[in-house]
Amino acid sequence: MREFSEITWLCHICGRERPDERISVYQIDISAHFGVLPNHALHNVRYCNDNPACIAAAPTYRHFYVERQ
């Protein structure tokens, strides 16, 4: 079994594998796009919390494009 200190995550912005303490998650509520109650559809973006470029890009990064109907 892996120790928690060994957990790593992939940054969605730069693509680097980073230790758990160097990754944060930016959440974007996309519930309105799907016509559901607030906070029922969230878009999670993992980013390096020690890289200014990743921090700046996280709020606008999208895994997929959601077109509003």
N, C-alpha and C. Protein backbone atom coordinates (compact mmCIF):
# COMPACT_ATOMS: atom_id res chain seq x y z
N MET A 1 0.85 -1.18 0.00
CA MET A 1 0.00 0.00 0.00
C MET A 1 0.89 1.25 0.00
N ARG A 2 0.51 2.24 -0.77
CA ARG A 2 1.29 3.48 -0.84
C ARG A 2 1.02 4.34 0.37
N GLU A 3 2.06 5.01 0.81
CA GLU A 3 1.92 5.98 1.88
C GLU A 3 1.35 7.27 1.29
N PHE A 4 0.64 8.05 2.10
CA PHE A 4 0.08 9.31 1.62
C PHE A 4 1.17 10.25 1.12
N SER A 5 2.36 10.16 1.70
CA SER A 5 3.45 11.04 1.28
C SER A 5 3.95 10.70 -0.12
N GLU A 6 3.55 9.54 -0.66
CA GLU A 6 3.99 9.12 -1.98
C GLU A 6 2.95 9.40 -3.07
N ILE A 7 1.79 9.91 -2.71
CA ILE A 7 0.73 10.14 -3.69
C ILE A 7 1.12 11.27 -4.64
N THR A 8 0.92 11.04 -5.93
CA THR A 8 1.19 12.07 -6.93
C THR A 8 -0.04 12.27 -7.80
N TRP A 9 -0.10 13.43 -8.44
CA TRP A 9 -1.21 13.80 -9.31
C TRP A 9 -0.66 14.40 -10.58
N LEU A 10 -1.42 14.31 -11.64
CA LEU A 10 -1.05 14.92 -12.91
C LEU A 10 -1.68 16.31 -12.99
N CYS A 11 -0.89 17.32 -13.27
CA CYS A 11 -1.39 18.68 -13.43
C CYS A 11 -2.11 18.75 -14.78
N HIS A 12 -3.35 19.23 -14.77
CA HIS A 12 -4.10 19.35 -16.02
C HIS A 12 -3.55 20.45 -16.92
N ILE A 13 -2.85 21.40 -16.35
CA ILE A 13 -2.35 22.54 -17.12
C ILE A 13 -1.03 22.22 -17.82
N CYS A 14 0.00 21.85 -17.05
CA CYS A 14 1.32 21.62 -17.64
C CYS A 14 1.61 20.15 -17.94
N GLY A 15 0.78 19.24 -17.39
CA GLY A 15 0.95 17.83 -17.66
C GLY A 15 2.00 17.12 -16.82
N ARG A 16 2.61 17.83 -15.88
CA ARG A 16 3.64 17.22 -15.04
C ARG A 16 3.02 16.44 -13.89
N GLU A 17 3.67 15.34 -13.52
CA GLU A 17 3.26 14.58 -12.34
C GLU A 17 3.91 15.23 -11.12
N ARG A 18 3.10 15.56 -10.13
CA ARG A 18 3.57 16.32 -8.97
C ARG A 18 3.14 15.64 -7.68
N PRO A 19 3.89 15.85 -6.58
CA PRO A 19 3.46 15.31 -5.29
C PRO A 19 2.17 15.98 -4.82
N ASP A 20 1.43 15.29 -3.99
CA ASP A 20 0.12 15.75 -3.52
C ASP A 20 0.15 17.18 -2.97
N GLU A 21 1.15 17.53 -2.21
CA GLU A 21 1.19 18.87 -1.59
C GLU A 21 1.45 19.99 -2.60
N ARG A 22 1.82 19.66 -3.81
CA ARG A 22 2.08 20.67 -4.85
C ARG A 22 0.93 20.79 -5.86
N ILE A 23 -0.18 20.09 -5.60
CA ILE A 23 -1.34 20.14 -6.49
C ILE A 23 -2.53 20.69 -5.73
N SER A 24 -3.24 21.62 -6.36
CA SER A 24 -4.50 22.13 -5.83
C SER A 24 -5.58 21.89 -6.87
N VAL A 25 -6.84 22.07 -6.46
CA VAL A 25 -7.97 21.85 -7.37
C VAL A 25 -8.80 23.12 -7.44
N TYR A 26 -9.04 23.58 -8.66
CA TYR A 26 -9.91 24.72 -8.91
C TYR A 26 -11.24 24.15 -9.38
N GLN A 27 -12.33 24.50 -8.70
CA GLN A 27 -13.65 24.00 -9.06
C GLN A 27 -14.47 25.09 -9.74
N ILE A 28 -15.14 24.69 -10.83
CA ILE A 28 -16.01 25.58 -11.57
C ILE A 28 -17.39 24.94 -11.58
N ASP A 29 -18.38 25.68 -11.12
CA ASP A 29 -19.75 25.16 -11.11
C ASP A 29 -20.34 25.30 -12.51
N ILE A 30 -20.62 24.16 -13.15
CA ILE A 30 -21.19 24.16 -14.50
C ILE A 30 -22.63 23.63 -14.48
N SER A 31 -23.25 23.65 -13.31
CA SER A 31 -24.61 23.13 -13.15
C SER A 31 -25.61 23.80 -14.08
N ALA A 32 -25.50 25.10 -14.24
CA ALA A 32 -26.46 25.84 -15.08
C ALA A 32 -26.45 25.34 -16.52
N HIS A 33 -25.31 24.88 -17.00
CA HIS A 33 -25.21 24.37 -18.37
C HIS A 33 -26.05 23.11 -18.57
N PHE A 34 -26.27 22.39 -17.48
CA PHE A 34 -27.02 21.13 -17.55
C PHE A 34 -28.42 21.23 -16.96
N GLY A 35 -28.77 22.42 -16.50
CA GLY A 35 -30.11 22.64 -15.97
C GLY A 35 -30.36 21.95 -14.64
N VAL A 36 -29.31 21.81 -13.84
CA VAL A 36 -29.46 21.18 -12.52
C VAL A 36 -29.18 22.21 -11.43
N LEU A 37 -29.49 21.85 -10.20
CA LEU A 37 -29.27 22.76 -9.07
C LEU A 37 -27.80 23.11 -8.93
N PRO A 38 -27.50 24.29 -8.39
CA PRO A 38 -26.10 24.70 -8.19
C PRO A 38 -25.30 23.65 -7.40
N ASN A 39 -24.06 23.52 -7.76
CA ASN A 39 -23.09 22.60 -7.14
C ASN A 39 -23.40 21.12 -7.36
N HIS A 40 -24.21 20.80 -8.37
CA HIS A 40 -24.47 19.41 -8.69
C HIS A 40 -23.64 18.93 -9.89
N ALA A 41 -23.05 19.85 -10.61
CA ALA A 41 -22.15 19.50 -11.71
C ALA A 41 -20.93 20.43 -11.59
N LEU A 42 -19.81 19.84 -11.20
CA LEU A 42 -18.60 20.62 -10.99
C LEU A 42 -17.52 20.19 -11.97
N HIS A 43 -16.76 21.14 -12.42
CA HIS A 43 -15.62 20.91 -13.32
C HIS A 43 -14.37 21.12 -12.44
N ASN A 44 -13.61 20.06 -12.19
CA ASN A 44 -12.42 20.13 -11.35
C ASN A 44 -11.16 20.19 -12.20
N VAL A 45 -10.32 21.17 -11.91
CA VAL A 45 -9.06 21.34 -12.63
C VAL A 45 -7.92 21.25 -11.63
N ARG A 46 -7.06 20.25 -11.82
CA ARG A 46 -5.86 20.13 -10.97
C ARG A 46 -4.76 21.00 -11.55
N TYR A 47 -4.07 21.74 -10.67
CA TYR A 47 -3.00 22.62 -11.13
C TYR A 47 -1.87 22.68 -10.11
N CYS A 48 -0.66 22.99 -10.57
CA CYS A 48 0.50 23.14 -9.70
C CYS A 48 0.32 24.41 -8.88
N ASN A 49 0.30 24.28 -7.55
CA ASN A 49 0.10 25.45 -6.71
C ASN A 49 1.39 26.24 -6.45
N ASP A 50 2.50 25.82 -7.07
CA ASP A 50 3.76 26.54 -6.93
C ASP A 50 4.27 27.05 -8.29
N ASN A 51 3.42 26.99 -9.30
CA ASN A 51 3.79 27.45 -10.64
C ASN A 51 2.82 28.57 -11.06
N PRO A 52 3.31 29.80 -11.14
CA PRO A 52 2.43 30.92 -11.48
C PRO A 52 1.65 30.74 -12.79
N ALA A 53 2.25 30.10 -13.78
CA ALA A 53 1.56 29.89 -15.05
C ALA A 53 0.37 28.94 -14.88
N CYS A 54 0.53 27.89 -14.10
CA CYS A 54 -0.57 26.95 -13.85
C CYS A 54 -1.67 27.61 -13.02
N ILE A 55 -1.28 28.38 -12.03
CA ILE A 55 -2.25 29.08 -11.19
C ILE A 55 -3.09 30.03 -12.04
N ALA A 56 -2.45 30.76 -12.92
CA ALA A 56 -3.15 31.73 -13.78
C ALA A 56 -4.08 31.04 -14.78
N ALA A 57 -3.69 29.86 -15.28
CA ALA A 57 -4.47 29.18 -16.31
C ALA A 57 -5.64 28.37 -15.75
N ALA A 58 -5.59 27.99 -14.49
CA ALA A 58 -6.62 27.10 -13.92
C ALA A 58 -8.05 27.61 -14.06
N PRO A 59 -8.34 28.90 -13.81
CA PRO A 59 -9.73 29.35 -13.90
C PRO A 59 -10.34 29.28 -15.31
N THR A 60 -9.53 29.24 -16.34
CA THR A 60 -10.06 29.22 -17.70
C THR A 60 -9.86 27.88 -18.41
N TYR A 61 -9.17 26.94 -17.76
CA TYR A 61 -8.93 25.63 -18.38
C TYR A 61 -10.22 24.81 -18.43
N ARG A 62 -10.44 24.11 -19.52
CA ARG A 62 -11.61 23.24 -19.66
C ARG A 62 -11.18 21.89 -20.24
N HIS A 63 -11.66 20.81 -19.63
CA HIS A 63 -11.41 19.47 -20.17
C HIS A 63 -12.26 19.26 -21.42
N PHE A 64 -13.41 19.90 -21.41
CA PHE A 64 -14.36 19.77 -22.51
C PHE A 64 -15.07 21.10 -22.65
N TYR A 65 -15.63 21.31 -23.80
CA TYR A 65 -16.34 22.56 -24.05
C TYR A 65 -17.82 22.32 -23.82
N VAL A 66 -18.42 23.16 -23.02
CA VAL A 66 -19.87 23.06 -22.75
C VAL A 66 -20.54 24.23 -23.42
N GLU A 67 -21.36 23.93 -24.43
CA GLU A 67 -22.08 24.99 -25.12
C GLU A 67 -23.43 25.19 -24.46
N ARG A 68 -23.71 26.40 -24.10
CA ARG A 68 -24.98 26.70 -23.42
C ARG A 68 -26.12 26.65 -24.43
N GLN A 69 -27.18 25.96 -24.08
CA GLN A 69 -28.35 25.80 -24.95
C GLN A 69 -29.23 27.01 -24.89
